[in-house]
C-alpha atoms as a PDB file:
ATOM      1  CA  UNK A   1     112.655  51.490  53.618  1.00  0.00           C
ATOM      2  CA  UNK A   2     110.652  54.693  53.148  1.00  0.00           C
ATOM      3  CA  UNK A   3     110.745  57.830  55.317  1.00  0.00           C
ATOM      4  CA  UNK A   4     107.568  59.849  55.915  1.00  0.00           C
ATOM      5  CA  UNK A   5     107.678  63.171  57.782  1.00  0.00           C
ATOM      6  CA  UNK A   6     104.823  64.949  59.565  1.00  0.00           C
ATOM      7  CA  UNK A   7     104.850  68.104  61.685  1.00  0.00           C
ATOM      8  CA  UNK A   8     102.335  69.209  64.306  1.00  0.00           C
ATOM      9  CA  UNK A   9     101.824  72.003  66.801  1.00  0.00           C
ATOM     10  CA  UNK A  10     100.833  70.298  70.043  1.00  0.00           C
ATOM     11  CA  UNK A  11      98.503  72.683  71.902  1.00  0.00           C
ATOM     12  CA  UNK A  12      98.875  72.650  75.685  1.00  0.00           C
ATOM     13  CA  UNK A  13      95.864  72.523  78.025  1.00  0.00           C
ATOM     14  CA  UNK A  14      97.305  75.454  79.982  1.00  0.00           C
ATOM     15  CA  UNK A  15     100.208  77.860  79.442  1.00  0.00           C
ATOM     16  CA  UNK A  16     103.280  76.044  80.791  1.00  0.00           C
ATOM     17  CA  UNK A  17     105.851  78.163  82.622  1.00  0.00           C
ATOM     18  CA  UNK A  18     109.284  77.186  83.911  1.00  0.00           C
ATOM     19  CA  UNK A  19     112.159  79.400  85.081  1.00  0.00           C
ATOM     20  CA  UNK A  20     113.181  80.062  81.444  1.00  0.00           C
ATOM     21  CA  UNK A  21     109.817  81.159  80.044  1.00  0.00           C
ATOM     22  CA  UNK A  22     106.262  80.216  79.042  1.00  0.00           C
ATOM     23  CA  UNK A  23     104.978  77.997  76.207  1.00  0.00           C
ATOM     24  CA  UNK A  24     101.433  77.462  74.938  1.00  0.00           C
ATOM     25  CA  UNK A  25     102.240  74.946  72.204  1.00  0.00           C
ATOM     26  CA  UNK A  26     105.000  72.497  71.380  1.00  0.00           C
ATOM     27  CA  UNK A  27     106.147  72.032  67.757  1.00  0.00           C
ATOM     28  CA  UNK A  28     106.541  68.305  67.102  1.00  0.00           C
ATOM     29  CA  UNK A  29     107.951  66.215  64.277  1.00  0.00           C
ATOM     30  CA  UNK A  30     106.897  62.601  63.737  1.00  0.00           C
ATOM     31  CA  UNK A  31     109.059  60.350  61.595  1.00  0.00           C
ATOM     32  CA  UNK A  32     107.650  57.180  60.085  1.00  0.00           C
ATOM     33  CA  UNK A  33     109.926  54.455  58.773  1.00  0.00           C
ATOM     34  CA  UNK A  34     107.895  52.160  56.548  1.00  0.00           C
ATOM     35  CA  UNK A  35     108.867  48.801  55.094  1.00  0.00           C
ATOM     36  CA  UNK A  36     106.617  46.194  53.443  1.00  0.00           C
ATOM     37  CA  UNK A  37     103.494  47.778  54.879  1.00  0.00           C
ATOM     38  CA  UNK A  38     104.839  47.982  58.441  1.00  0.00           C
ATOM     39  CA  UNK A  39     105.418  51.413  60.029  1.00  0.00           C
ATOM     40  CA  UNK A  40     107.619  52.475  62.920  1.00  0.00           C
ATOM     41  CA  UNK A  41     107.155  55.857  64.586  1.00  0.00           C
ATOM     42  CA  UNK A  42     109.459  58.240  66.439  1.00  0.00           C
ATOM     43  CA  UNK A  43     109.176  61.807  67.687  1.00  0.00           C
ATOM     44  CA  UNK A  44     111.233  64.940  68.258  1.00  0.00           C
ATOM     45  CA  UNK A  45     109.776  68.109  69.776  1.00  0.00           C
ATOM     46  CA  UNK A  46     111.409  71.481  69.164  1.00  0.00           C
ATOM     47  CA  UNK A  47     112.831  73.399  72.111  1.00  0.00           C
ATOM     48  CA  UNK A  48     114.204  76.968  72.087  1.00  0.00           C
ATOM     49  CA  UNK A  49     116.698  76.178  74.891  1.00  0.00           C
ATOM     50  CA  UNK A  50     118.405  73.728  72.512  1.00  0.00           C
ATOM     51  CA  UNK A  51     117.960  75.941  69.409  1.00  0.00           C
ATOM     52  CA  UNK A  52     115.836  73.379  67.574  1.00  0.00           C
ATOM     53  CA  UNK A  53     112.891  73.890  65.208  1.00  0.00           C
ATOM     54  CA  UNK A  54     110.683  71.583  63.158  1.00  0.00           C
ATOM     55  CA  UNK A  55     111.588  73.490  59.970  1.00  0.00           C
ATOM     56  CA  UNK A  56     115.239  72.686  60.575  1.00  0.00           C
ATOM     57  CA  UNK A  57     114.306  69.064  61.359  1.00  0.00           C
ATOM     58  CA  UNK A  58     112.410  68.668  58.083  1.00  0.00           C
ATOM     59  CA  UNK A  59     115.170  70.289  56.031  1.00  0.00           C
ATOM     60  CA  UNK A  60     117.864  68.022  57.461  1.00  0.00           C
ATOM     61  CA  UNK A  61     115.768  64.859  57.100  1.00  0.00           C
ATOM     62  CA  UNK A  62     115.103  65.625  53.449  1.00  0.00           C
ATOM     63  CA  UNK A  63     118.793  66.337  52.819  1.00  0.00           C
ATOM     64  CA  UNK A  64     119.719  62.953  54.312  1.00  0.00           C
ATOM     65  CA  UNK A  65     116.727  60.969  53.059  1.00  0.00           C
ATOM     66  CA  UNK A  66     118.823  58.558  50.980  1.00  0.00           C
ATOM     67  CA  UNK A  67     120.983  57.757  54.021  1.00  0.00           C
ATOM     68  CA  UNK A  68     117.930  57.058  56.186  1.00  0.00           C
ATOM     69  CA  UNK A  69     116.067  55.001  53.602  1.00  0.00           C
ATOM     70  CA  UNK A  70     118.834  52.482  53.062  1.00  0.00           C
ATOM     71  CA  UNK A  71     117.500  48.936  53.232  1.00  0.00           C
ATOM     72  CA  UNK A  72     118.541  47.872  56.697  1.00  0.00           C
ATOM     73  CA  UNK A  73     117.781  44.469  58.210  1.00  0.00           C
ATOM     74  CA  UNK A  74     120.198  44.471  61.139  1.00  0.00           C
ATOM     75  CA  UNK A  75     119.376  45.429  64.719  1.00  0.00           C
ATOM     76  CA  UNK A  76     118.272  48.869  66.004  1.00  0.00           C
ATOM     77  CA  UNK A  77     121.654  49.123  67.725  1.00  0.00           C
ATOM     78  CA  UNK A  78     123.455  48.685  64.382  1.00  0.00           C
ATOM     79  CA  UNK A  79     121.148  51.174  62.680  1.00  0.00           C
ATOM     80  CA  UNK A  80     121.888  53.761  65.399  1.00  0.00           C
ATOM     81  CA  UNK A  81     125.633  53.278  64.886  1.00  0.00           C
ATOM     82  CA  UNK A  82     125.119  53.650  61.132  1.00  0.00           C
ATOM     83  CA  UNK A  83     123.169  56.918  61.588  1.00  0.00           C
ATOM     84  CA  UNK A  84     125.406  58.476  64.259  1.00  0.00           C
ATOM     85  CA  UNK A  85     128.088  59.983  61.957  1.00  0.00           C
ATOM     86  CA  UNK A  86     125.340  61.643  59.896  1.00  0.00           C
ATOM     87  CA  UNK A  87     123.314  63.001  62.858  1.00  0.00           C
ATOM     88  CA  UNK A  88     125.948  63.536  65.555  1.00  0.00           C
ATOM     89  CA  UNK A  89     125.110  67.258  65.571  1.00  0.00           C
ATOM     90  CA  UNK A  90     121.363  66.690  65.917  1.00  0.00           C
ATOM     91  CA  UNK A  91     120.540  64.299  68.746  1.00  0.00           C
ATOM     92  CA  UNK A  92     116.840  65.198  68.527  1.00  0.00           C
ATOM     93  CA  UNK A  93     116.559  63.779  65.001  1.00  0.00           C
ATOM     94  CA  UNK A  94     118.742  60.808  65.854  1.00  0.00           C
ATOM     95  CA  UNK A  95     116.321  60.102  68.705  1.00  0.00           C
ATOM     96  CA  UNK A  96     113.247  60.211  66.450  1.00  0.00           C
ATOM     97  CA  UNK A  97     114.861  57.885  63.915  1.00  0.00           C
ATOM     98  CA  UNK A  98     116.098  55.517  66.624  1.00  0.00           C
ATOM     99  CA  UNK A  99     112.627  55.310  68.187  1.00  0.00           C
ATOM    100  CA  UNK A 100     111.083  54.685  64.770  1.00  0.00           C
ATOM    101  CA  UNK A 101     113.517  51.933  63.871  1.00  0.00           C
ATOM    102  CA  UNK A 102     113.119  50.231  67.263  1.00  0.00           C
ATOM    103  CA  UNK A 103     109.362  50.354  66.674  1.00  0.00           C
ATOM    104  CA  UNK A 104     109.598  49.025  63.109  1.00  0.00           C
ATOM    105  CA  UNK A 105     112.092  46.289  63.975  1.00  0.00           C
ATOM    106  CA  UNK A 106     110.128  44.875  66.911  1.00  0.00           C
ATOM    107  CA  UNK A 107     106.811  45.101  65.037  1.00  0.00           C
ATOM    108  CA  UNK A 108     108.366  42.984  62.290  1.00  0.00           C
ATOM    109  CA  UNK A 109     109.431  40.478  64.960  1.00  0.00           C
ATOM    110  CA  UNK A 110     105.875  40.471  66.314  1.00  0.00           C
ATOM    111  CA  UNK A 111     106.883  41.526  69.838  1.00  0.00           C
ATOM    112  CA  UNK A 112     106.787  44.558  72.117  1.00  0.00           C
ATOM    113  CA  UNK A 113     109.980  46.577  72.522  1.00  0.00           C
ATOM    114  CA  UNK A 114     110.432  45.682  76.198  1.00  0.00           C
ATOM    115  CA  UNK A 115     110.211  42.009  75.214  1.00  0.00           C
ATOM    116  CA  UNK A 116     113.064  42.523  72.738  1.00  0.00           C
ATOM    117  CA  UNK A 117     115.101  43.859  75.670  1.00  0.00           C
ATOM    118  CA  UNK A 118     113.992  40.933  77.903  1.00  0.00           C
ATOM    119  CA  UNK A 119     112.501  43.258  80.515  1.00  0.00           C
ATOM    120  CA  UNK A 120     109.788  42.410  83.022  1.00  0.00           C
ATOM    121  CA  UNK A 121     106.981  44.981  83.409  1.00  0.00           C
ATOM    122  CA  UNK A 122     105.521  43.618  86.655  1.00  0.00           C
ATOM    123  CA  UNK A 123     107.075  46.373  88.761  1.00  0.00           C
ATOM    124  CA  UNK A 124     107.198  49.875  87.286  1.00  0.00           C
ATOM    125  CA  UNK A 125     107.853  53.306  88.812  1.00  0.00           C
ATOM    126  CA  UNK A 126     104.923  55.704  89.126  1.00  0.00           C
ATOM    127  CA  UNK A 127     105.017  58.731  86.843  1.00  0.00           C
ATOM    128  CA  UNK A 128     104.668  62.233  88.225  1.00  0.00           C
ATOM    129  CA  UNK A 129     102.366  64.974  86.908  1.00  0.00           C
ATOM    130  CA  UNK A 130     104.005  68.356  86.329  1.00  0.00           C
ATOM    131  CA  UNK A 131     102.679  71.658  87.680  1.00  0.00           C
ATOM    132  CA  UNK A 132     104.229  74.636  85.883  1.00  0.00           C
ATOM    133  CA  UNK A 133     105.004  77.976  87.528  1.00  0.00           C
ATOM    134  CA  UNK A 134     101.815  80.006  87.994  1.00  0.00           C
ATOM    135  CA  UNK A 135      99.928  81.886  90.679  1.00  0.00           C
ATOM    136  CA  UNK A 136      99.554  79.764  93.800  1.00  0.00           C
ATOM    137  CA  UNK A 137      95.790  79.678  93.245  1.00  0.00           C
ATOM    138  CA  UNK A 138      96.195  78.334  89.713  1.00  0.00           C
ATOM    139  CA  UNK A 139      98.777  75.770  90.780  1.00  0.00           C
ATOM    140  CA  UNK A 140      96.396  74.485  93.455  1.00  0.00           C
ATOM    141  CA  UNK A 141      93.579  74.404  90.895  1.00  0.00           C
ATOM    142  CA  UNK A 142      95.698  72.341  88.487  1.00  0.00           C
ATOM    143  CA  UNK A 143      96.498  69.848  91.235  1.00  0.00           C
ATOM    144  CA  UNK A 144      92.836  69.470  92.112  1.00  0.00           C
ATOM    145  CA  UNK A 145      91.915  69.072  88.443  1.00  0.00           C
ATOM    146  CA  UNK A 146      94.474  66.279  87.958  1.00  0.00           C
ATOM    147  CA  UNK A 147      94.909  64.122  91.073  1.00  0.00           C
ATOM    148  CA  UNK A 148      98.272  62.352  91.120  1.00  0.00           C
ATOM    149  CA  UNK A 149     100.298  60.395  93.692  1.00  0.00           C
ATOM    150  CA  UNK A 150     103.393  62.380  92.659  1.00  0.00           C
ATOM    151  CA  UNK A 151     103.671  65.979  91.465  1.00  0.00           C
ATOM    152  CA  UNK A 152     106.692  67.595  89.888  1.00  0.00           C
ATOM    153  CA  UNK A 153     106.593  71.277  90.862  1.00  0.00           C
ATOM    154  CA  UNK A 154     108.400  73.733  88.624  1.00  0.00           C
ATOM    155  CA  UNK A 155     110.111  76.475  90.621  1.00  0.00           C
ATOM    156  CA  UNK A 156     112.551  79.328  90.105  1.00  0.00           C
ATOM    157  CA  UNK A 157     110.621  82.299  91.526  1.00  0.00           C
ATOM    158  CA  UNK A 158     111.205  84.701  94.396  1.00  0.00           C
ATOM    159  CA  UNK A 159     108.722  82.847  96.619  1.00  0.00           C
ATOM    160  CA  UNK A 160     109.476  79.174  95.946  1.00  0.00           C
ATOM    161  CA  UNK A 161     109.199  77.921  99.521  1.00  0.00           C
ATOM    162  CA  UNK A 162     105.896  79.749 100.017  1.00  0.00           C
ATOM    163  CA  UNK A 163     104.529  78.051  96.876  1.00  0.00           C
ATOM    164  CA  UNK A 164     105.399  74.566  98.114  1.00  0.00           C
ATOM    165  CA  UNK A 165     104.135  75.384 101.621  1.00  0.00           C
ATOM    166  CA  UNK A 166     100.742  76.407 100.215  1.00  0.00           C
ATOM    167  CA  UNK A 167     100.516  73.448  97.814  1.00  0.00           C
ATOM    168  CA  UNK A 168     101.272  71.043 100.650  1.00  0.00           C
ATOM    169  CA  UNK A 169      98.080  72.170 102.430  1.00  0.00           C
ATOM    170  CA  UNK A 170      96.023  70.596  99.626  1.00  0.00           C
ATOM    171  CA  UNK A 171      97.599  67.175  99.084  1.00  0.00           C
ATOM    172  CA  UNK A 172      99.591  64.413 100.742  1.00  0.00           C
ATOM    173  CA  UNK A 173     101.131  63.409  97.402  1.00  0.00           C
ATOM    174  CA  UNK A 174     104.900  63.180  96.965  1.00  0.00           C
ATOM    175  CA  UNK A 175     106.493  66.362  95.604  1.00  0.00           C
ATOM    176  CA  UNK A 176     109.483  66.553  93.287  1.00  0.00           C
ATOM    177  CA  UNK A 177     111.032  69.956  92.652  1.00  0.00           C
ATOM    178  CA  UNK A 178     112.507  71.103  89.339  1.00  0.00           C
ATOM    179  CA  UNK A 179     114.177  74.517  89.417  1.00  0.00           C
ATOM    180  CA  UNK A 180     115.411  74.297  85.798  1.00  0.00           C
ATOM    181  CA  UNK A 181     118.788  75.918  86.579  1.00  0.00           C
ATOM    182  CA  UNK A 182     117.079  78.772  88.446  1.00  0.00           C
ATOM    183  CA  UNK A 183     118.830  78.695  91.840  1.00  0.00           C
ATOM    184  CA  UNK A 184     122.238  79.464  93.301  1.00  0.00           C
ATOM    185  CA  UNK A 185     124.158  76.908  95.403  1.00  0.00           C
ATOM    186  CA  UNK A 186     123.325  78.816  98.593  1.00  0.00           C
ATOM    187  CA  UNK A 187     119.619  78.966  97.720  1.00  0.00           C
ATOM    188  CA  UNK A 188     119.586  75.251  96.931  1.00  0.00           C
ATOM    189  CA  UNK A 189     121.187  74.235 100.217  1.00  0.00           C
ATOM    190  CA  UNK A 190     118.895  76.538 102.202  1.00  0.00           C
ATOM    191  CA  UNK A 191     115.784  75.481 100.270  1.00  0.00           C
ATOM    192  CA  UNK A 192     116.604  71.794 100.674  1.00  0.00           C
ATOM    193  CA  UNK A 193     116.190  72.087 104.442  1.00  0.00           C
ATOM    194  CA  UNK A 194     112.672  73.531 104.188  1.00  0.00           C
ATOM    195  CA  UNK A 195     111.625  71.360 101.249  1.00  0.00           C
ATOM    196  CA  UNK A 196     112.567  68.186 103.099  1.00  0.00           C
ATOM    197  CA  UNK A 197     110.105  69.186 105.829  1.00  0.00           C
ATOM    198  CA  UNK A 198     107.427  69.639 103.157  1.00  0.00           C
ATOM    199  CA  UNK A 199     107.601  66.086 101.809  1.00  0.00           C
ATOM    200  CA  UNK A 200     109.824  66.684  98.791  1.00  0.00           C
ATOM    201  CA  UNK A 201     111.528  63.570  97.376  1.00  0.00           C
ATOM    202  CA  UNK A 202     114.349  65.229  95.415  1.00  0.00           C
ATOM    203  CA  UNK A 203     115.437  68.419  93.658  1.00  0.00           C
ATOM    204  CA  UNK A 204     116.101  68.337  89.927  1.00  0.00           C
ATOM    205  CA  UNK A 205     118.781  70.546  88.309  1.00  0.00           C
ATOM    206  CA  UNK A 206     118.739  73.524  90.662  1.00  0.00           C
ATOM    207  CA  UNK A 207     121.910  75.125  89.217  1.00  0.00           C
ATOM    208  CA  UNK A 208     123.003  76.174  85.721  1.00  0.00           C
ATOM    209  CA  UNK A 209     124.254  73.157  83.769  1.00  0.00           C
ATOM    210  CA  UNK A 210     127.922  74.196  83.797  1.00  0.00           C
ATOM    211  CA  UNK A 211     128.164  75.152  87.483  1.00  0.00           C
ATOM    212  CA  UNK A 212     130.149  72.099  88.564  1.00  0.00           C
ATOM    213  CA  UNK A 213     131.809  73.890  91.475  1.00  0.00           C
ATOM    214  CA  UNK A 214     128.394  74.807  92.833  1.00  0.00           C
ATOM    215  CA  UNK A 215     127.090  71.296  92.141  1.00  0.00           C
ATOM    216  CA  UNK A 216     129.874  69.782  94.258  1.00  0.00           C
ATOM    217  CA  UNK A 217     129.037  72.130  97.137  1.00  0.00           C
ATOM    218  CA  UNK A 218     125.318  71.290  96.892  1.00  0.00           C
ATOM    219  CA  UNK A 219     126.029  67.553  96.601  1.00  0.00           C
ATOM    220  CA  UNK A 220     127.886  67.636  99.912  1.00  0.00           C
ATOM    221  CA  UNK A 221     125.469  69.836 101.850  1.00  0.00           C
ATOM    222  CA  UNK A 222     121.948  69.374 100.441  1.00  0.00           C
ATOM    223  CA  UNK A 223     119.361  67.775 102.709  1.00  0.00           C
ATOM    224  CA  UNK A 224     117.711  66.217  99.627  1.00  0.00           C
ATOM    225  CA  UNK A 225     119.026  64.158  96.697  1.00  0.00           C
ATOM    226  CA  UNK A 226     119.942  66.222  93.624  1.00  0.00           C
ATOM    227  CA  UNK A 227     119.104  64.851  90.159  1.00  0.00           C
ATOM    228  CA  UNK A 228     120.964  66.094  87.070  1.00  0.00           C
ATOM    229  CA  UNK A 229     118.983  67.074  83.978  1.00  0.00           C
ATOM    230  CA  UNK A 230     120.573  69.832  81.914  1.00  0.00           C
ATOM    231  CA  UNK A 231     123.963  68.683  83.273  1.00  0.00           C
ATOM    232  CA  UNK A 232     123.386  65.174  81.885  1.00  0.00           C
ATOM    233  CA  UNK A 233     122.570  65.274  78.187  1.00  0.00           C
ATOM    234  CA  UNK A 234     124.773  62.732  76.384  1.00  0.00           C
ATOM    235  CA  UNK A 235     126.407  59.438  77.311  1.00  0.00           C
ATOM    236  CA  UNK A 236     129.721  60.890  78.501  1.00  0.00           C
ATOM    237  CA  UNK A 237     127.865  63.159  80.955  1.00  0.00           C
ATOM    238  CA  UNK A 238     126.892  60.235  83.198  1.00  0.00           C
ATOM    239  CA  UNK A 239     130.475  59.786  84.361  1.00  0.00           C
ATOM    240  CA  UNK A 240     130.806  63.548  84.863  1.00  0.00           C
ATOM    241  CA  UNK A 241     127.800  63.537  87.208  1.00  0.00           C
ATOM    242  CA  UNK A 242     129.339  60.996  89.556  1.00  0.00           C
ATOM    243  CA  UNK A 243     129.987  62.649  92.981  1.00  0.00           C
ATOM    244  CA  UNK A 244     128.281  65.829  91.769  1.00  0.00           C
ATOM    245  CA  UNK A 245     124.700  64.487  91.687  1.00  0.00           C
ATOM    246  CA  UNK A 246     122.788  61.677  93.345  1.00  0.00           C
ATOM    247  CA  UNK A 247     121.053  60.651  90.132  1.00  0.00           C
ATOM    248  CA  UNK A 248     120.506  61.487  86.465  1.00  0.00           C
ATOM    249  CA  UNK A 249     117.410  62.340  84.457  1.00  0.00           C
ATOM    250  CA  UNK A 250     117.955  61.035  80.921  1.00  0.00           C
ATOM    251  CA  UNK A 251     116.050  62.669  78.055  1.00  0.00           C
ATOM    252  CA  UNK A 252     115.866  60.613  74.871  1.00  0.00           C
ATOM    253  CA  UNK A 253     116.057  63.629  72.574  1.00  0.00           C
ATOM    254  CA  UNK A 254     119.146  64.992  74.297  1.00  0.00           C
ATOM    255  CA  UNK A 255     121.113  61.744  74.186  1.00  0.00           C
ATOM    256  CA  UNK A 256     120.005  60.518  70.743  1.00  0.00           C
ATOM    257  CA  UNK A 257     117.316  57.950  71.483  1.00  0.00           C
ATOM    258  CA  UNK A 258     116.521  54.681  73.196  1.00  0.00           C
ATOM    259  CA  UNK A 259     119.759  52.947  72.181  1.00  0.00           C
ATOM    260  CA  UNK A 260     122.145  55.320  74.016  1.00  0.00           C
ATOM    261  CA  UNK A 261     119.645  55.753  76.871  1.00  0.00           C
ATOM    262  CA  UNK A 262     119.960  52.045  77.655  1.00  0.00           C
ATOM    263  CA  UNK A 263     123.722  52.410  77.929  1.00  0.00           C
ATOM    264  CA  UNK A 264     123.387  55.528  80.101  1.00  0.00           C
ATOM    265  CA  UNK A 265     121.043  53.730  82.494  1.00  0.00           C
ATOM    266  CA  UNK A 266     123.458  50.808  82.753  1.00  0.00           C
ATOM    267  CA  UNK A 267     126.398  53.131  83.473  1.00  0.00           C
ATOM    268  CA  UNK A 268     124.416  55.145  86.031  1.00  0.00           C
ATOM    269  CA  UNK A 269     123.506  51.947  87.860  1.00  0.00           C
ATOM    270  CA  UNK A 270     127.154  50.899  87.791  1.00  0.00           C
ATOM    271  CA  UNK A 271     128.023  54.199  89.490  1.00  0.00           C
ATOM    272  CA  UNK A 272     125.136  53.719  91.958  1.00  0.00           C
ATOM    273  CA  UNK A 273     123.354  56.820  90.673  1.00  0.00           C
ATOM    274  CA  UNK A 274     119.557  56.916  90.752  1.00  0.00           C
ATOM    275  CA  UNK A 275     118.045  56.531  87.271  1.00  0.00           C
ATOM    276  CA  UNK A 276     115.232  58.582  85.791  1.00  0.00           C
ATOM    277  CA  UNK A 277     113.926  59.207  82.301  1.00  0.00           C
ATOM    278  CA  UNK A 278     111.993  62.377  81.589  1.00  0.00           C
ATOM    279  CA  UNK A 279     109.917  63.667  78.703  1.00  0.00           C
ATOM    280  CA  UNK A 280     110.016  66.889  76.708  1.00  0.00           C
ATOM    281  CA  UNK A 281     106.243  67.244  76.262  1.00  0.00           C
ATOM    282  CA  UNK A 282     105.908  64.659  73.506  1.00  0.00           C
ATOM    283  CA  UNK A 283     102.713  63.140  72.209  1.00  0.00           C
ATOM    284  CA  UNK A 284     101.887  59.494  72.901  1.00  0.00           C
ATOM    285  CA  UNK A 285     104.485  58.511  70.272  1.00  0.00           C
ATOM    286  CA  UNK A 286     107.427  59.742  72.328  1.00  0.00           C
ATOM    287  CA  UNK A 287     105.794  58.873  75.654  1.00  0.00           C
ATOM    288  CA  UNK A 288     105.172  55.282  74.541  1.00  0.00           C
ATOM    289  CA  UNK A 289     108.844  54.918  73.608  1.00  0.00           C
ATOM    290  CA  UNK A 290     109.891  56.107  77.090  1.00  0.00           C
ATOM    291  CA  UNK A 291     107.566  53.598  78.762  1.00  0.00           C
ATOM    292  CA  UNK A 292     109.591  50.594  77.591  1.00  0.00           C
ATOM    293  CA  UNK A 293     112.568  51.793  79.663  1.00  0.00           C
ATOM    294  CA  UNK A 294     110.578  52.016  82.904  1.00  0.00           C
ATOM    295  CA  UNK A 295     111.419  48.508  84.226  1.00  0.00           C
ATOM    296  CA  UNK A 296     115.020  49.757  84.542  1.00  0.00           C
ATOM    297  CA  UNK A 297     114.233  53.037  86.337  1.00  0.00           C
ATOM    298  CA  UNK A 298     113.928  54.416  89.846  1.00  0.00           C
ATOM    299  CA  UNK A 299     111.833  57.392  88.683  1.00  0.00           C
ATOM    300  CA  UNK A 300     110.000  58.426  85.537  1.00  0.00           C
ATOM    301  CA  UNK A 301     108.428  61.637  84.250  1.00  0.00           C
ATOM    302  CA  UNK A 302     106.207  60.727  81.289  1.00  0.00           C
ATOM    303  CA  UNK A 303     103.237  63.067  81.632  1.00  0.00           C
ATOM    304  CA  UNK A 304     103.841  64.916  78.338  1.00  0.00           C
ATOM    305  CA  UNK A 305     100.743  63.655  76.533  1.00  0.00           C
ATOM    306  CA  UNK A 306      98.590  64.437  79.596  1.00  0.00           C
ATOM    307  CA  UNK A 307      99.539  68.124  79.286  1.00  0.00           C
ATOM    308  CA  UNK A 308      98.161  68.335  75.730  1.00  0.00           C
ATOM    309  CA  UNK A 309      94.729  69.586  74.664  1.00  0.00           C
ATOM    310  CA  UNK A 310      94.594  67.011  71.897  1.00  0.00           C
ATOM    311  CA  UNK A 311      96.973  64.098  71.603  1.00  0.00           C
ATOM    312  CA  UNK A 312      97.872  63.245  67.993  1.00  0.00           C
ATOM    313  CA  UNK A 313      98.507  59.595  68.836  1.00  0.00           C
ATOM    314  CA  UNK A 314      97.355  56.675  70.940  1.00  0.00           C
ATOM    315  CA  UNK A 315      99.591  54.300  72.846  1.00  0.00           C
ATOM    316  CA  UNK A 316     100.826  53.716  76.378  1.00  0.00           C
ATOM    317  CA  UNK A 317      98.450  55.211  78.962  1.00  0.00           C
ATOM    318  CA  UNK A 318      99.321  56.982  82.210  1.00  0.00           C
ATOM    319  CA  UNK A 319      96.420  57.117  84.661  1.00  0.00           C
ATOM    320  CA  UNK A 320      96.919  58.480  88.165  1.00  0.00           C
ATOM    321  CA  UNK A 321     100.630  57.815  87.651  1.00  0.00           C
ATOM    322  CA  UNK A 322     100.100  54.151  86.718  1.00  0.00           C
ATOM    323  CA  UNK A 323     101.557  53.029  83.366  1.00  0.00           C
ATOM    324  CA  UNK A 324      99.476  50.725  81.150  1.00  0.00           C
ATOM    325  CA  UNK A 325     101.082  49.327  78.014  1.00  0.00           C
ATOM    326  CA  UNK A 326      99.232  49.127  74.725  1.00  0.00           C
ATOM    327  CA  UNK A 327      98.395  45.671  73.344  1.00  0.00           C
ATOM    328  CA  UNK A 328     100.172  46.623  70.110  1.00  0.00           C
ATOM    329  CA  UNK A 329     103.672  45.445  69.264  1.00  0.00           C
ATOM    330  CA  UNK A 330     106.717  47.702  68.926  1.00  0.00           C
ATOM    331  CA  UNK A 331     106.466  50.807  71.112  1.00  0.00           C
ATOM    332  CA  UNK A 332     102.695  50.321  71.065  1.00  0.00           C
ATOM    333  CA  UNK A 333     101.735  53.676  69.555  1.00  0.00           C
ATOM    334  CA  UNK A 334     100.098  54.913  66.368  1.00  0.00           C
ATOM    335  CA  UNK A 335      98.974  58.244  64.948  1.00  0.00           C
ATOM    336  CA  UNK A 336      95.292  59.112  65.295  1.00  0.00           C
ATOM    337  CA  UNK A 337      93.714  59.505  61.865  1.00  0.00           C
ATOM    338  CA  UNK A 338      92.079  62.905  61.432  1.00  0.00           C
END
């Protein structure tokens, strides 16, 4: 098996602002695992909040190339277990390799990934479209430019309720709110009352990730469901979120890929937590991988490729929130040749 590495800077259509800062491009690394002329693809995007960079990704992959390129014919689950001791300190890379091997393995079987998992795609959740923090006028303009049945609104400003109040005047679409750790418990409880009146479905990660005391208070008193994101990164976090959150938003790069994400979804369902998978502004490589989990989910946020000026790949499509799978096997994605 041969490893190929490519890096890209994914340019965003518009500057994207959340409570922690603004980004205009997303550094991305694509791994390709190739065997007998068949290629599997996976993706990891760099994120300053998690102290990751594509330079560091490339350096580590090259250091461990011989480990990765071992001839491996067993299942993706076995390959993930084999890689874990070598990448336990870099879940982003483990994710990219896990996606790539799932893609390669199912392509060699001649099936789509969701078929390997025996999932039915007849009923899928609708994806939201994210509106970053901006002037109210610009946020309204972005909504009008991209009609969607569900919008995720990024908040964490001094006038959050006013923003949602003004946006509501221009659409009947469902709103989801993501404060990205930007609120206090008191703000969250107070805001939940007003946001419920404004047609908000849930609030995602309003408090800092380690504020479990505040999370318990919010869980008991919020008028809206609270979904964990930064508080739910790896498998063991699902159990921690029980009775502190109403659901969990699983990110493949945070937990180490599709293989652990499947286990996290199963455990969340066991605990009767709502299940969601979110993206980290990947191209259609990463977004296509996420899509195969959607039959298992209550909610999904897979608009990453829609936020890009130029996608570097083709694959699963999201149109007006509706997910359409590619006719290709594996994850159904491939790089666009330049």
